[in-house]
PDB file of N, CA and C in Angstrom:
ATOM      1  N   MET A   1     -80.143-115.846  69.247  1.00  0.00           N
ATOM      2  CA  MET A   1     -80.106-115.892  70.964  1.00  0.00           C
ATOM      3  C   MET A   1     -80.200-114.150  71.235  1.00  0.00           C
ATOM      4  N   TYR A   2     -79.919-113.062  70.928  1.00  0.00           N
ATOM      5  CA  TYR A   2     -80.441-111.756  70.912  1.00  0.00           C
ATOM      6  C   TYR A   2     -81.976-111.776  70.638  1.00  0.00           C
ATOM      7  N   VAL A   3     -82.708-112.116  70.079  1.00  0.00           N
ATOM      8  CA  VAL A   3     -83.874-112.271  68.679  1.00  0.00           C
ATOM      9  C   VAL A   3     -84.552-112.974  69.682  1.00  0.00           C
ATOM     10  N   GLU A   4     -84.059-114.289  70.231  1.00  0.00           N
ATOM     11  CA  GLU A   4     -85.123-114.910  71.171  1.00  0.00           C
ATOM     12  C   GLU A   4     -85.283-113.737  73.101  1.00  0.00           C
ATOM     13  N   TYR A   5     -84.185-113.329  73.153  1.00  0.00           N
ATOM     14  CA  TYR A   5     -84.087-112.642  74.160  1.00  0.00           C
ATOM     15  C   TYR A   5     -85.531-111.670  73.721  1.00  0.00           C
ATOM     16  N   LEU A   6     -85.754-111.105  72.849  1.00  0.00           N
ATOM     17  CA  LEU A   6     -86.321-110.070  72.652  1.00  0.00           C
ATOM     18  C   LEU A   6     -87.727-110.325  72.507  1.00  0.00           C
ATOM     19  N   LYS A   7     -87.939-111.284  72.072  1.00  0.00           N
ATOM     20  CA  LYS A   7     -89.022-111.889  72.099  1.00  0.00           C
ATOM     21  C   LYS A   7     -89.511-112.446  73.587  1.00  0.00           C
ATOM     22  N   GLU A   8     -88.989-112.106  74.230  1.00  0.00           N
ATOM     23  CA  GLU A   8     -88.880-113.045  75.708  1.00  0.00           C
ATOM     24  C   GLU A   8     -89.571-112.031  76.678  1.00  0.00           C
ATOM     25  N   GLN A   9     -88.886-111.168  75.996  1.00  0.00           N
ATOM     26  CA  GLN A   9     -89.361-109.423  76.750  1.00  0.00           C
ATOM     27  C   GLN A   9     -90.510-108.753  76.433  1.00  0.00           C
ATOM     28  N   GLY A  10     -91.179-109.590  74.938  1.00  0.00           N
ATOM     29  CA  GLY A  10     -92.479-108.995  74.745  1.00  0.00           C
ATOM     30  C   GLY A  10     -91.910-108.209  73.432  1.00  0.00           C
ATOM     31  N   ILE A  11     -90.737-107.809  73.047  1.00  0.00           N
ATOM     32  CA  ILE A  11     -90.444-106.585  72.363  1.00  0.00           C
ATOM     33  C   ILE A  11     -90.820-106.789  70.851  1.00  0.00           C
ATOM     34  N   LYS A  12     -90.871-105.886  70.410  1.00  0.00           N
ATOM     35  CA  LYS A  12     -91.673-106.031  69.059  1.00  0.00           C
ATOM     36  C   LYS A  12     -90.360-105.921  67.972  1.00  0.00           C
ATOM     37  N   ILE A  13     -89.476-106.461  67.067  1.00  0.00           N
ATOM     38  CA  ILE A  13     -88.464-106.529  66.575  1.00  0.00           C
ATOM     39  C   ILE A  13     -88.770-106.467  64.847  1.00  0.00           C
ATOM     40  N   SER A  14     -88.081-105.599  64.176  1.00  0.00           N
ATOM     41  CA  SER A  14     -88.546-105.501  62.828  1.00  0.00           C
ATOM     42  C   SER A  14     -87.484-106.077  61.916  1.00  0.00           C
ATOM     43  N   MET A  15     -87.503-106.733  61.346  1.00  0.00           N
ATOM     44  CA  MET A  15     -86.434-107.087  60.289  1.00  0.00           C
ATOM     45  C   MET A  15     -86.945-107.102  58.637  1.00  0.00           C
ATOM     46  N   ASP A  16     -85.746-106.655  58.072  1.00  0.00           N
ATOM     47  CA  ASP A  16     -86.375-106.265  56.266  1.00  0.00           C
ATOM     48  C   ASP A  16     -86.755-107.800  55.935  1.00  0.00           C
ATOM     49  N   GLY A  17     -87.547-108.310  54.593  1.00  0.00           N
ATOM     50  CA  GLY A  17     -87.700-109.298  54.290  1.00  0.00           C
ATOM     51  C   GLY A  17     -86.975-109.558  53.388  1.00  0.00           C
ATOM     52  N   LYS A  18     -86.908-110.721  52.667  1.00  0.00           N
ATOM     53  CA  LYS A  18     -86.102-110.748  51.251  1.00  0.00           C
ATOM     54  C   LYS A  18     -85.737-110.252  50.782  1.00  0.00           C
ATOM     55  N   GLY A  19     -84.830-109.982  50.050  1.00  0.00           N
ATOM     56  CA  GLY A  19     -84.950-108.925  48.980  1.00  0.00           C
ATOM     57  C   GLY A  19     -84.876-107.621  49.560  1.00  0.00           C
ATOM     58  N   SER A  20     -84.784-107.809  50.688  1.00  0.00           N
ATOM     59  CA  SER A  20     -85.008-105.551  50.949  1.00  0.00           C
ATOM     60  C   SER A  20     -83.229-105.617  51.391  1.00  0.00           C
ATOM     61  N   ALA A  21     -82.030-105.576  51.263  1.00  0.00           N
ATOM     62  CA  ALA A  21     -80.770-105.280  51.387  1.00  0.00           C
ATOM     63  C   ALA A  21     -80.708-103.803  50.809  1.00  0.00           C
ATOM     64  N   LEU A  22     -81.729-103.469  50.132  1.00  0.00           N
ATOM     65  CA  LEU A  22     -81.043-101.878  49.525  1.00  0.00           C
ATOM     66  C   LEU A  22     -81.894-100.896  50.930  1.00  0.00           C
ATOM     67  N   ASP A  23     -82.904-101.588  51.724  1.00  0.00           N
ATOM     68  CA  ASP A  23     -83.451-100.490  52.267  1.00  0.00           C
ATOM     69  C   ASP A  23     -82.647-100.006  53.558  1.00  0.00           C
ATOM     70  N   ASN A  24     -81.770-100.447  54.218  1.00  0.00           N
ATOM     71  CA  ASN A  24     -81.403 -99.741  54.916  1.00  0.00           C
ATOM     72  C   ASN A  24     -79.753 -99.800  54.982  1.00  0.00           C
ATOM     73  N   ILE A  25     -79.109 -99.564  53.411  1.00  0.00           N
ATOM     74  CA  ILE A  25     -77.440 -99.454  53.265  1.00  0.00           C
ATOM     75  C   ILE A  25     -77.364 -98.234  54.035  1.00  0.00           C
ATOM     76  N   TYR A  26     -77.709 -97.136  53.560  1.00  0.00           N
ATOM     77  CA  TYR A  26     -77.035 -96.334  54.259  1.00  0.00           C
ATOM     78  C   TYR A  26     -76.717 -96.002  55.676  1.00  0.00           C
ATOM     79  N   ILE A  27     -77.641 -96.739  56.418  1.00  0.00           N
ATOM     80  CA  ILE A  27     -77.335 -97.105  57.835  1.00  0.00           C
ATOM     81  C   ILE A  27     -76.206 -97.913  58.130  1.00  0.00           C
ATOM     82  N   GLU A  28     -76.914 -98.635  57.581  1.00  0.00           N
ATOM     83  CA  GLU A  28     -75.497-100.122  57.742  1.00  0.00           C
ATOM     84  C   GLU A  28     -74.154 -99.699  57.354  1.00  0.00           C
ATOM     85  N   ARG A  29     -74.102 -99.063  56.534  1.00  0.00           N
ATOM     86  CA  ARG A  29     -72.692 -98.337  56.559  1.00  0.00           C
ATOM     87  C   ARG A  29     -72.519 -97.763  57.215  1.00  0.00           C
ATOM     88  N   PHE A  30     -73.332 -96.926  57.872  1.00  0.00           N
ATOM     89  CA  PHE A  30     -72.452 -95.882  58.926  1.00  0.00           C
ATOM     90  C   PHE A  30     -72.788 -96.510  60.237  1.00  0.00           C
ATOM     91  N   TRP A  31     -73.412 -97.583  60.353  1.00  0.00           N
ATOM     92  CA  TRP A  31     -73.145 -97.924  61.843  1.00  0.00           C
ATOM     93  C   TRP A  31     -71.728 -98.761  61.572  1.00  0.00           C
ATOM     94  N   ARG A  32     -71.336 -99.201  60.560  1.00  0.00           N
ATOM     95  CA  ARG A  32     -70.232-100.021  60.277  1.00  0.00           C
ATOM     96  C   ARG A  32     -68.492 -98.774  61.030  1.00  0.00           C
ATOM     97  N   THR A  33     -68.974 -97.617  60.213  1.00  0.00           N
ATOM     98  CA  THR A  33     -68.026 -97.001  59.792  1.00  0.00           C
ATOM     99  C   THR A  33     -68.208 -96.388  61.639  1.00  0.00           C
ATOM    100  N   ILE A  34     -69.077 -96.180  62.189  1.00  0.00           N
ATOM    101  CA  ILE A  34     -69.382 -96.160  64.128  1.00  0.00           C
ATOM    102  C   ILE A  34     -67.653 -96.944  64.712  1.00  0.00           C
ATOM    103  N   LYS A  35     -68.653 -98.353  64.126  1.00  0.00           N
ATOM    104  CA  LYS A  35     -67.241 -99.644  64.976  1.00  0.00           C
ATOM    105  C   LYS A  35     -66.262 -99.313  64.684  1.00  0.00           C
ATOM    106  N   TYR A  36     -66.161 -99.457  63.390  1.00  0.00           N
ATOM    107  CA  TYR A  36     -64.462 -99.313  63.348  1.00  0.00           C
ATOM    108  C   TYR A  36     -63.616 -98.419  63.400  1.00  0.00           C
ATOM    109  N   GLN A  37     -64.630 -96.654  63.589  1.00  0.00           N
ATOM    110  CA  GLN A  37     -63.198 -95.898  63.212  1.00  0.00           C
ATOM    111  C   GLN A  37     -63.442 -95.654  65.169  1.00  0.00           C
ATOM    112  N   HIS A  38     -64.060 -96.075  65.830  1.00  0.00           N
ATOM    113  CA  HIS A  38     -64.621 -95.407  67.376  1.00  0.00           C
ATOM    114  C   HIS A  38     -64.541 -96.887  68.179  1.00  0.00           C
ATOM    115  N   ILE A  39     -65.498 -97.324  68.190  1.00  0.00           N
ATOM    116  CA  ILE A  39     -66.195 -98.193  69.040  1.00  0.00           C
ATOM    117  C   ILE A  39     -64.936 -99.024  69.549  1.00  0.00           C
ATOM    118  N   HIS A  40     -64.533 -99.932  68.064  1.00  0.00           N
ATOM    119  CA  HIS A  40     -63.436-100.869  68.036  1.00  0.00           C
ATOM    120  C   HIS A  40     -62.212-100.439  68.736  1.00  0.00           C
ATOM    121  N   LEU A  41     -61.486 -99.010  68.672  1.00  0.00           N
ATOM    122  CA  LEU A  41     -60.534 -98.449  68.974  1.00  0.00           C
ATOM    123  C   LEU A  41     -60.479 -97.650  70.052  1.00  0.00           C
ATOM    124  N   ASN A  42     -61.510 -97.412  70.905  1.00  0.00           N
ATOM    125  CA  ASN A  42     -61.897 -96.787  71.918  1.00  0.00           C
ATOM    126  C   ASN A  42     -63.086 -97.369  72.682  1.00  0.00           C
ATOM    127  N   PRO A  43     -62.721 -98.459  73.516  1.00  0.00           N
ATOM    128  CA  PRO A  43     -63.705 -99.035  73.695  1.00  0.00           C
ATOM    129  C   PRO A  43     -64.149 -98.919  75.486  1.00  0.00           C
ATOM    130  N   ALA A  44     -65.548 -98.755  75.829  1.00  0.00           N
ATOM    131  CA  ALA A  44     -65.857 -97.499  76.787  1.00  0.00           C
ATOM    132  C   ALA A  44     -66.306 -98.181  77.949  1.00  0.00           C
ATOM    133  N   ALA A  45     -66.048 -97.945  79.300  1.00  0.00           N
ATOM    134  CA  ALA A  45     -66.358 -98.269  80.237  1.00  0.00           C
ATOM    135  C   ALA A  45     -66.974 -98.697  80.570  1.00  0.00           C
ATOM    136  N   ASP A  46     -68.613 -97.784  79.922  1.00  0.00           N
ATOM    137  CA  ASP A  46     -70.396 -97.998  80.628  1.00  0.00           C
ATOM    138  C   ASP A  46     -70.626 -97.191  79.531  1.00  0.00           C
ATOM    139  N   GLY A  47     -72.151 -97.161  79.864  1.00  0.00           N
ATOM    140  CA  GLY A  47     -72.971 -96.402  78.615  1.00  0.00           C
ATOM    141  C   GLY A  47     -72.843 -95.205  78.663  1.00  0.00           C
ATOM    142  N   ILE A  48     -72.592 -94.057  79.701  1.00  0.00           N
ATOM    143  CA  ILE A  48     -72.209 -93.222  79.560  1.00  0.00           C
ATOM    144  C   ILE A  48     -70.851 -92.789  78.509  1.00  0.00           C
ATOM    145  N   SER A  49     -70.161 -93.712  79.334  1.00  0.00           N
ATOM    146  CA  SER A  49     -68.843 -93.723  78.075  1.00  0.00           C
ATOM    147  C   SER A  49     -69.147 -93.725  76.583  1.00  0.00           C
ATOM    148  N   LEU A  50     -69.690 -94.657  76.420  1.00  0.00           N
ATOM    149  CA  LEU A  50     -70.110 -95.069  75.275  1.00  0.00           C
ATOM    150  C   LEU A  50     -70.619 -93.946  74.625  1.00  0.00           C
ATOM    151  N   TYR A  51     -71.806 -93.297  75.442  1.00  0.00           N
ATOM    152  CA  TYR A  51     -72.847 -92.178  74.170  1.00  0.00           C
ATOM    153  C   TYR A  51     -71.641 -90.929  74.436  1.00  0.00           C
ATOM    154  N   ILE A  52     -70.934 -90.276  74.982  1.00  0.00           N
ATOM    155  CA  ILE A  52     -69.600 -89.022  75.206  1.00  0.00           C
ATOM    156  C   ILE A  52     -69.467 -89.235  73.907  1.00  0.00           C
ATOM    157  N   GLY A  53     -68.800 -90.893  73.987  1.00  0.00           N
ATOM    158  CA  GLY A  53     -67.532 -91.141  72.644  1.00  0.00           C
ATOM    159  C   GLY A  53     -68.021 -90.806  71.510  1.00  0.00           C
ATOM    160  N   ILE A  54     -69.237 -91.891  71.150  1.00  0.00           N
ATOM    161  CA  ILE A  54     -70.352 -91.540  69.875  1.00  0.00           C
ATOM    162  C   ILE A  54     -70.819 -90.387  69.463  1.00  0.00           C
ATOM    163  N   LYS A  55     -70.998 -89.262  70.891  1.00  0.00           N
ATOM    164  CA  LYS A  55     -71.418 -87.874  69.945  1.00  0.00           C
ATOM    165  C   LYS A  55     -70.645 -87.212  69.945  1.00  0.00           C
ATOM    166  N   LYS A  56     -69.347 -87.245  70.021  1.00  0.00           N
ATOM    167  CA  LYS A  56     -68.010 -86.525  69.935  1.00  0.00           C
ATOM    168  C   LYS A  56     -67.964 -87.076  68.599  1.00  0.00           C
ATOM    169  N   TRP A  57     -68.083 -88.314  68.440  1.00  0.00           N
ATOM    170  CA  TRP A  57     -66.956 -88.553  66.989  1.00  0.00           C
ATOM    171  C   TRP A  57     -68.241 -88.704  66.174  1.00  0.00           C
ATOM    172  N   ILE A  58     -69.119 -88.269  66.475  1.00  0.00           N
ATOM    173  CA  ILE A  58     -70.662 -87.776  65.500  1.00  0.00           C
ATOM    174  C   ILE A  58     -70.231 -86.453  64.926  1.00  0.00           C
ATOM    175  N   GLU A  59     -69.992 -85.708  65.582  1.00  0.00           N
ATOM    176  CA  GLU A  59     -69.872 -83.880  65.917  1.00  0.00           C
ATOM    177  C   GLU A  59     -68.447 -84.216  64.625  1.00  0.00           C
ATOM    178  N   LYS A  60     -67.349 -84.780  65.212  1.00  0.00           N
ATOM    179  CA  LYS A  60     -66.206 -84.546  64.074  1.00  0.00           C
ATOM    180  C   LYS A  60     -66.777 -84.736  62.951  1.00  0.00           C
ATOM    181  N   TYR A  61     -67.609 -86.362  62.808  1.00  0.00           N
ATOM    182  CA  TYR A  61     -67.438 -86.962  61.500  1.00  0.00           C
ATOM    183  C   TYR A  61     -68.359 -85.975  60.624  1.00  0.00           C
ATOM    184  N   HIS A  62     -69.127 -84.968  61.196  1.00  0.00           N
ATOM    185  CA  HIS A  62     -69.799 -83.897  60.131  1.00  0.00           C
ATOM    186  C   HIS A  62     -69.248 -83.361  59.654  1.00  0.00           C
ATOM    187  N   PHE A  63     -67.994 -82.897  60.042  1.00  0.00           N
ATOM    188  CA  PHE A  63     -67.285 -81.831  59.544  1.00  0.00           C
ATOM    189  C   PHE A  63     -66.007 -82.239  59.032  1.00  0.00           C
ATOM    190  N   LYS A  64     -65.498 -83.918  58.906  1.00  0.00           N
ATOM    191  CA  LYS A  64     -64.884 -83.754  57.870  1.00  0.00           C
ATOM    192  C   LYS A  64     -64.883 -84.341  56.389  1.00  0.00           C
ATOM    193  N   ALA A  65     -63.836 -83.782  55.928  1.00  0.00           N
ATOM    194  CA  ALA A  65     -64.053 -84.377  54.244  1.00  0.00           C
ATOM    195  C   ALA A  65     -64.571 -86.007  53.725  1.00  0.00           C
ATOM    196  N   HIS A  66     -65.878 -86.106  53.113  1.00  0.00           N
ATOM    197  CA  HIS A  66     -66.432 -87.699  52.822  1.00  0.00           C
ATOM    198  C   HIS A  66     -65.866 -88.247  51.230  1.00  0.00           C
ATOM    199  N   GLN A  67     -64.940 -89.186  51.225  1.00  0.00           N
ATOM    200  CA  GLN A  67     -64.681 -89.347  49.714  1.00  0.00           C
ATOM    201  C   GLN A  67     -65.614 -89.713  48.746  1.00  0.00           C
ATOM    202  N   GLY A  68     -67.353 -90.128  49.803  1.00  0.00           N
ATOM    203  CA  GLY A  68     -68.589 -90.316  48.511  1.00  0.00           C
ATOM    204  C   GLY A  68     -69.475 -89.193  48.621  1.00  0.00           C
ATOM    205  N   ILE A  69     -68.625 -88.271  48.394  1.00  0.00           N
ATOM    206  CA  ILE A  69     -69.361 -86.670  48.611  1.00  0.00           C
ATOM    207  C   ILE A  69     -68.039 -85.534  47.978  1.00  0.00           C
ATOM    208  N   ASN A  70     -67.594 -85.971  46.726  1.00  0.00           N
ATOM    209  CA  ASN A  70     -66.861 -85.684  46.187  1.00  0.00           C
ATOM    210  C   ASN A  70     -65.544 -84.869  47.248  1.00  0.00           C
ATOM    211  N   ARG A  71     -65.199 -85.136  48.286  1.00  0.00           N
ATOM    212  CA  ARG A  71     -64.575 -84.464  49.505  1.00  0.00           C
ATOM    213  C   ARG A  71     -64.755 -83.255  50.148  1.00  0.00           C
ATOM    214  N   GLN A  72     -66.114 -83.130  50.195  1.00  0.00           N
ATOM    215  CA  GLN A  72     -66.794 -81.948  51.003  1.00  0.00           C
ATOM    216  C   GLN A  72     -67.363 -82.182  52.178  1.00  0.00           C
ATOM    217  N   LYS A  73     -67.461 -81.849  53.038  1.00  0.00           N
ATOM    218  CA  LYS A  73     -68.098 -81.968  54.504  1.00  0.00           C
ATOM    219  C   LYS A  73     -69.934 -81.850  54.857  1.00  0.00           C
ATOM    220  N   PRO A  74     -70.074 -83.198  55.220  1.00  0.00           N
ATOM    221  CA  PRO A  74     -71.544 -83.249  55.688  1.00  0.00           C
ATOM    222  C   PRO A  74     -72.049 -82.162  55.665  1.00  0.00           C
ATOM    223  N   GLN A  75     -71.791 -81.459  56.778  1.00  0.00           N
ATOM    224  CA  GLN A  75     -72.285 -80.182  57.376  1.00  0.00           C
ATOM    225  C   GLN A  75     -72.475 -79.221  56.768  1.00  0.00           C
ATOM    226  N   TYR A  76     -71.449 -79.063  55.762  1.00  0.00           N
ATOM    227  CA  TYR A  76     -71.800 -77.840  55.313  1.00  0.00           C
ATOM    228  C   TYR A  76     -73.024 -78.176  53.729  1.00  0.00           C
ATOM    229  N   LEU A  77     -72.560 -79.129  53.515  1.00  0.00           N
ATOM    230  CA  LEU A  77     -73.289 -79.747  52.491  1.00  0.00           C
ATOM    231  C   LEU A  77     -74.879 -79.028  52.812  1.00  0.00           C
ATOM    232  N   TYR A  78     -74.848 -79.735  54.052  1.00  0.00           N
ATOM    233  CA  TYR A  78     -76.337 -79.770  54.820  1.00  0.00           C
ATOM    234  C   TYR A  78     -76.718 -78.129  55.045  1.00  0.00           C
ATOM    235  N   LEU A  79     -75.936 -77.538  55.426  1.00  0.00           N
ATOM    236  CA  LEU A  79     -76.407 -76.259  55.625  1.00  0.00           C
ATOM    237  C   LEU A  79     -76.639 -75.417  54.370  1.00  0.00           C
ATOM    238  N   ASN A  80     -76.100 -75.563  53.454  1.00  0.00           N
ATOM    239  CA  ASN A  80     -76.261 -75.101  52.394  1.00  0.00           C
ATOM    240  C   ASN A  80     -77.180 -75.237  51.179  1.00  0.00           C
ATOM    241  N   ALA A  81     -78.177 -77.120  51.721  1.00  0.00           N
ATOM    242  CA  ALA A  81     -79.107 -76.952  50.799  1.00  0.00           C
ATOM    243  C   ALA A  81     -80.279 -76.788  51.287  1.00  0.00           C
ATOM    244  N   ALA A  82     -80.009 -75.778  52.601  1.00  0.00           N
ATOM    245  CA  ALA A  82     -81.630 -75.340  53.274  1.00  0.00           C
ATOM    246  C   ALA A  82     -81.751 -74.176  53.303  1.00  0.00           C
TER     247      ALA A  82
END
């Protein structure tokens, strides 16, 4: 249904081929986290509210300790790597 709508609008879509599940695993995990930790818990009234809510959530996310990187904060790792 969604794909058909995009095609009707002349929008080119890109999907991984077979066996390419690892190509975008990190962004898929990130979007899952946003959905379960913010979007589902804080339904937005409109697009602007959604944008502002996600922006605030991402800012908080960067300064939170993450299990996958030994309880370090992504922002500090990023700044120290530069």
